[in-house]
Amino acid sequence: MKPSTLRLVMNLWPPFLFSGIHVDRIGVDWRSARVELRMRPWNRNYVGTHFGGSLFSMTDPFWMLLVKESLGRDYMVWDRAAEIEFLSPGRGTVHAEFAVDEDILRTMRQATAGGDKYLHWFATDIVDAAGEVVARLRKQIYVRRKKGR
């Protein structure tokens, strides 16, 4: 699938569409993405700020997708763990950016060349329009080279 097709599908996917999550960009080389969460009446919490579940959901699949597509079909890539820290109230449109570095991919290929698993933590800041960090997410990705590849 092309990144532009996946972006379109994700923007029409009901859990993103109805949560106010919008995939703004997926790089043509699968190395980057930008996602927004727009404030809607149905994604606000009791005190009128972004619901924490929506903040987490907007970031959930992207590290795994970018790593999986960047490494190719010879690798199994899974989400293994995640944590999120809420730092300030999120209001208005917030966004998160993801960028997979070639050095990280090289390390993953080297670490899994013999069939071993490799675990890597990625960090992402969710930022509001003023540039203030609303939440900080950490995601652990599991990578293993498929047998016989």
C-alpha atoms as a PDB file:
ATOM      1  CA  MET A   1       0.000   0.000   0.000  1.00  0.00           C
ATOM      2  CA  LYS A   2       1.243   3.493  -0.742  1.00  0.00           C
ATOM      3  CA  PRO A   3       1.568   5.968   2.149  1.00  0.00           C
ATOM      4  CA  SER A   4      -0.995   8.278   0.543  1.00  0.00           C
ATOM      5  CA  THR A   5      -3.525   5.425   0.351  1.00  0.00           C
ATOM      6  CA  LEU A   6      -2.950   4.448   3.981  1.00  0.00           C
ATOM      7  CA  ARG A   7      -3.348   8.094   5.020  1.00  0.00           C
ATOM      8  CA  LEU A   8      -6.713   8.279   3.235  1.00  0.00           C
ATOM      9  CA  VAL A   9      -7.902   4.980   4.736  1.00  0.00           C
ATOM     10  CA  MET A  10      -6.850   6.024   8.238  1.00  0.00           C
ATOM     11  CA  ASN A  11      -8.654   9.360   7.905  1.00  0.00           C
ATOM     12  CA  LEU A  12     -11.855   7.515   6.949  1.00  0.00           C
ATOM     13  CA  TRP A  13     -11.426   4.809   9.615  1.00  0.00           C
ATOM     14  CA  PRO A  14     -14.263   5.379  12.107  1.00  0.00           C
ATOM     15  CA  PRO A  15     -12.150   5.323  15.308  1.00  0.00           C
ATOM     16  CA  PHE A  16     -10.008   8.170  13.905  1.00  0.00           C
ATOM     17  CA  LEU A  17     -12.730   9.961  11.954  1.00  0.00           C
ATOM     18  CA  PHE A  18     -15.153  10.192  14.856  1.00  0.00           C
ATOM     19  CA  SER A  19     -12.453  11.010  17.409  1.00  0.00           C
ATOM     20  CA  GLY A  20     -11.257  14.093  15.530  1.00  0.00           C
ATOM     21  CA  ILE A  21      -7.933  12.440  14.636  1.00  0.00           C
ATOM     22  CA  HIS A  22      -6.538  13.489  11.265  1.00  0.00           C
ATOM     23  CA  VAL A  23      -3.450  11.979   9.631  1.00  0.00           C
ATOM     24  CA  ASP A  24      -1.921  15.060   8.051  1.00  0.00           C
ATOM     25  CA  ARG A  25       1.047  13.379   6.381  1.00  0.00           C
ATOM     26  CA  ILE A  26       2.843  10.065   5.947  1.00  0.00           C
ATOM     27  CA  GLY A  27       6.203  10.429   4.203  1.00  0.00           C
ATOM     28  CA  VAL A  28       6.528   8.835   0.772  1.00  0.00           C
ATOM     29  CA  ASP A  29       9.506   6.865   2.142  1.00  0.00           C
ATOM     30  CA  TRP A  30       7.576   5.731   5.260  1.00  0.00           C
ATOM     31  CA  ARG A  31      10.105   7.527   7.490  1.00  0.00           C
ATOM     32  CA  SER A  32       7.825  10.220   8.931  1.00  0.00           C
ATOM     33  CA  ALA A  33       4.251  11.113   9.819  1.00  0.00           C
ATOM     34  CA  ARG A  34       2.283  13.994  11.312  1.00  0.00           C
ATOM     35  CA  VAL A  35      -1.066  13.538  13.073  1.00  0.00           C
ATOM     36  CA  GLU A  36      -3.515  16.088  14.484  1.00  0.00           C
ATOM     37  CA  LEU A  37      -6.271  15.833  17.041  1.00  0.00           C
ATOM     38  CA  ARG A  38      -8.946  18.450  16.589  1.00  0.00           C
ATOM     39  CA  MET A  39     -11.106  19.481  19.537  1.00  0.00           C
ATOM     40  CA  ARG A  40     -14.679  18.246  19.153  1.00  0.00           C
ATOM     41  CA  PRO A  41     -17.547  18.199  21.644  1.00  0.00           C
ATOM     42  CA  TRP A  42     -17.380  14.385  21.729  1.00  0.00           C
ATOM     43  CA  ASN A  43     -13.643  14.142  22.469  1.00  0.00           C
ATOM     44  CA  ARG A  44     -13.583  16.506  25.442  1.00  0.00           C
ATOM     45  CA  ASN A  45     -13.378  15.265  28.983  1.00  0.00           C
ATOM     46  CA  TYR A  46     -15.396  16.482  31.965  1.00  0.00           C
ATOM     47  CA  VAL A  47     -13.296  19.648  32.376  1.00  0.00           C
ATOM     48  CA  GLY A  48     -13.366  20.593  28.669  1.00  0.00           C
ATOM     49  CA  THR A  49      -9.886  19.481  27.601  1.00  0.00           C
ATOM     50  CA  HIS A  50      -8.841  16.678  25.270  1.00  0.00           C
ATOM     51  CA  PHE A  51      -9.800  13.219  26.506  1.00  0.00           C
ATOM     52  CA  GLY A  52      -6.611  11.342  27.401  1.00  0.00           C
ATOM     53  CA  GLY A  53      -7.694   8.273  25.445  1.00  0.00           C
ATOM     54  CA  SER A  54      -7.917  10.375  22.285  1.00  0.00           C
ATOM     55  CA  LEU A  55      -4.445  11.793  22.910  1.00  0.00           C
ATOM     56  CA  PHE A  56      -3.087   8.270  23.201  1.00  0.00           C
ATOM     57  CA  SER A  57      -5.082   6.971  20.219  1.00  0.00           C
ATOM     58  CA  MET A  58      -3.736   9.645  17.902  1.00  0.00           C
ATOM     59  CA  THR A  59      -0.216   8.301  18.437  1.00  0.00           C
ATOM     60  CA  ASP A  60      -0.906   4.601  18.833  1.00  0.00           C
ATOM     61  CA  PRO A  61      -0.147   2.952  15.478  1.00  0.00           C
ATOM     62  CA  PHE A  62       2.473   5.204  13.948  1.00  0.00           C
ATOM     63  CA  TRP A  63       5.812   3.971  15.297  1.00  0.00           C
ATOM     64  CA  MET A  64       4.903   0.377  14.463  1.00  0.00           C
ATOM     65  CA  LEU A  65       3.656   1.284  10.970  1.00  0.00           C
ATOM     66  CA  LEU A  66       6.665   3.418  10.083  1.00  0.00           C
ATOM     67  CA  VAL A  67       9.191   0.859  11.331  1.00  0.00           C
ATOM     68  CA  LYS A  68       7.360  -2.062   9.685  1.00  0.00           C
ATOM     69  CA  GLU A  69       7.149  -0.348   6.305  1.00  0.00           C
ATOM     70  CA  SER A  70      10.716   0.997   6.515  1.00  0.00           C
ATOM     71  CA  LEU A  71      12.190  -2.434   7.304  1.00  0.00           C
ATOM     72  CA  GLY A  72      10.075  -4.345   4.796  1.00  0.00           C
ATOM     73  CA  ARG A  73       8.463  -7.782   4.608  1.00  0.00           C
ATOM     74  CA  ASP A  74      11.416  -9.659   6.089  1.00  0.00           C
ATOM     75  CA  TYR A  75      10.635  -8.379   9.597  1.00  0.00           C
ATOM     76  CA  MET A  76       7.951  -8.859  12.224  1.00  0.00           C
ATOM     77  CA  VAL A  77       7.190  -5.585  13.971  1.00  0.00           C
ATOM     78  CA  TRP A  78       4.802  -5.251  16.926  1.00  0.00           C
ATOM     79  CA  ASP A  79       3.911  -2.775  19.617  1.00  0.00           C
ATOM     80  CA  ARG A  80       5.146  -4.174  22.906  1.00  0.00           C
ATOM     81  CA  ALA A  81       4.537  -1.488  25.531  1.00  0.00           C
ATOM     82  CA  ALA A  82       3.459   2.111  25.867  1.00  0.00           C
ATOM     83  CA  GLU A  83       3.219   4.838  28.453  1.00  0.00           C
ATOM     84  CA  ILE A  84       1.870   8.348  28.328  1.00  0.00           C
ATOM     85  CA  GLU A  85       2.465  11.278  30.648  1.00  0.00           C
ATOM     86  CA  PHE A  86      -0.049  14.118  30.633  1.00  0.00           C
ATOM     87  CA  LEU A  87       1.806  17.397  31.190  1.00  0.00           C
ATOM     88  CA  SER A  88      -0.723  20.174  30.582  1.00  0.00           C
ATOM     89  CA  PRO A  89      -4.371  20.504  29.545  1.00  0.00           C
ATOM     90  CA  GLY A  90      -4.837  19.978  25.817  1.00  0.00           C
ATOM     91  CA  ARG A  91      -7.142  22.437  24.092  1.00  0.00           C
ATOM     92  CA  GLY A  92      -7.728  23.259  20.443  1.00  0.00           C
ATOM     93  CA  THR A  93      -5.819  21.332  17.801  1.00  0.00           C
ATOM     94  CA  VAL A  94      -2.806  19.362  19.006  1.00  0.00           C
ATOM     95  CA  HIS A  95      -0.335  17.424  16.887  1.00  0.00           C
ATOM     96  CA  ALA A  96       2.371  14.771  17.053  1.00  0.00           C
ATOM     97  CA  GLU A  97       5.243  14.133  14.664  1.00  0.00           C
ATOM     98  CA  PHE A  98       7.119  10.894  14.062  1.00  0.00           C
ATOM     99  CA  ALA A  99      10.453  10.430  12.285  1.00  0.00           C
ATOM    100  CA  VAL A 100      12.342   7.146  11.921  1.00  0.00           C
ATOM    101  CA  ASP A 101      16.075   7.694  11.648  1.00  0.00           C
ATOM    102  CA  GLU A 102      18.211   5.531   9.323  1.00  0.00           C
ATOM    103  CA  ASP A 103      20.626   4.866  12.210  1.00  0.00           C
ATOM    104  CA  ILE A 104      17.820   3.280  14.224  1.00  0.00           C
ATOM    105  CA  LEU A 105      16.826   1.093  11.269  1.00  0.00           C
ATOM    106  CA  ARG A 106      20.454   0.052  10.775  1.00  0.00           C
ATOM    107  CA  THR A 107      20.698  -0.879  14.467  1.00  0.00           C
ATOM    108  CA  MET A 108      17.475  -2.909  14.183  1.00  0.00           C
ATOM    109  CA  ARG A 109      18.742  -4.787  11.129  1.00  0.00           C
ATOM    110  CA  GLN A 110      22.082  -5.556  12.781  1.00  0.00           C
ATOM    111  CA  ALA A 111      20.525  -6.622  16.091  1.00  0.00           C
ATOM    112  CA  THR A 112      18.070  -8.991  14.403  1.00  0.00           C
ATOM    113  CA  ALA A 113      20.353 -10.406  11.673  1.00  0.00           C
ATOM    114  CA  GLY A 114      20.816 -13.649  13.613  1.00  0.00           C
ATOM    115  CA  GLY A 115      17.102 -14.065  14.371  1.00  0.00           C
ATOM    116  CA  ASP A 116      17.178 -12.331  17.749  1.00  0.00           C
ATOM    117  CA  LYS A 117      14.469  -9.936  18.856  1.00  0.00           C
ATOM    118  CA  TYR A 118      15.191  -6.253  19.354  1.00  0.00           C
ATOM    119  CA  LEU A 119      13.235  -3.834  21.543  1.00  0.00           C
ATOM    120  CA  HIS A 120      13.389  -0.095  20.992  1.00  0.00           C
ATOM    121  CA  TRP A 121      11.710   2.790  22.831  1.00  0.00           C
ATOM    122  CA  PHE A 122      10.516   5.761  20.777  1.00  0.00           C
ATOM    123  CA  ALA A 123       9.402   9.070  22.307  1.00  0.00           C
ATOM    124  CA  THR A 124       6.798  11.455  20.929  1.00  0.00           C
ATOM    125  CA  ASP A 125       5.589  14.809  22.198  1.00  0.00           C
ATOM    126  CA  ILE A 126       1.996  15.894  21.637  1.00  0.00           C
ATOM    127  CA  VAL A 127       2.124  19.647  21.168  1.00  0.00           C
ATOM    128  CA  ASP A 128      -0.531  22.375  21.062  1.00  0.00           C
ATOM    129  CA  ALA A 129      -0.704  25.316  18.635  1.00  0.00           C
ATOM    130  CA  ALA A 130       1.454  27.467  20.951  1.00  0.00           C
ATOM    131  CA  GLY A 131       4.201  24.822  20.971  1.00  0.00           C
ATOM    132  CA  GLU A 132       3.509  23.703  24.549  1.00  0.00           C
ATOM    133  CA  VAL A 133       3.919  19.987  25.228  1.00  0.00           C
ATOM    134  CA  VAL A 134       0.553  18.583  26.279  1.00  0.00           C
ATOM    135  CA  ALA A 135       1.607  14.959  26.673  1.00  0.00           C
ATOM    136  CA  ARG A 136       4.674  12.807  26.198  1.00  0.00           C
ATOM    137  CA  LEU A 137       4.290   9.278  24.857  1.00  0.00           C
ATOM    138  CA  ARG A 138       6.828   6.453  24.904  1.00  0.00           C
ATOM    139  CA  LYS A 139       6.277   3.401  22.757  1.00  0.00           C
ATOM    140  CA  GLN A 140       8.296   0.191  22.780  1.00  0.00           C
ATOM    141  CA  ILE A 141       8.535  -1.618  19.459  1.00  0.00           C
ATOM    142  CA  TYR A 142       9.434  -5.298  19.060  1.00  0.00           C
ATOM    143  CA  VAL A 143      11.405  -6.254  15.925  1.00  0.00           C
ATOM    144  CA  ARG A 144      12.519  -9.688  14.756  1.00  0.00           C
ATOM    145  CA  ARG A 145      13.728 -10.896  11.386  1.00  0.00           C
ATOM    146  CA  LYS A 146      11.384 -13.568  10.026  1.00  0.00           C
ATOM    147  CA  LYS A 147      12.753 -17.094   9.899  1.00  0.00           C
ATOM    148  CA  GLY A 148      14.194 -18.112   6.569  1.00  0.00           C
ATOM    149  CA  ARG A 149      14.718 -14.540   5.379  1.00  0.00           C
END
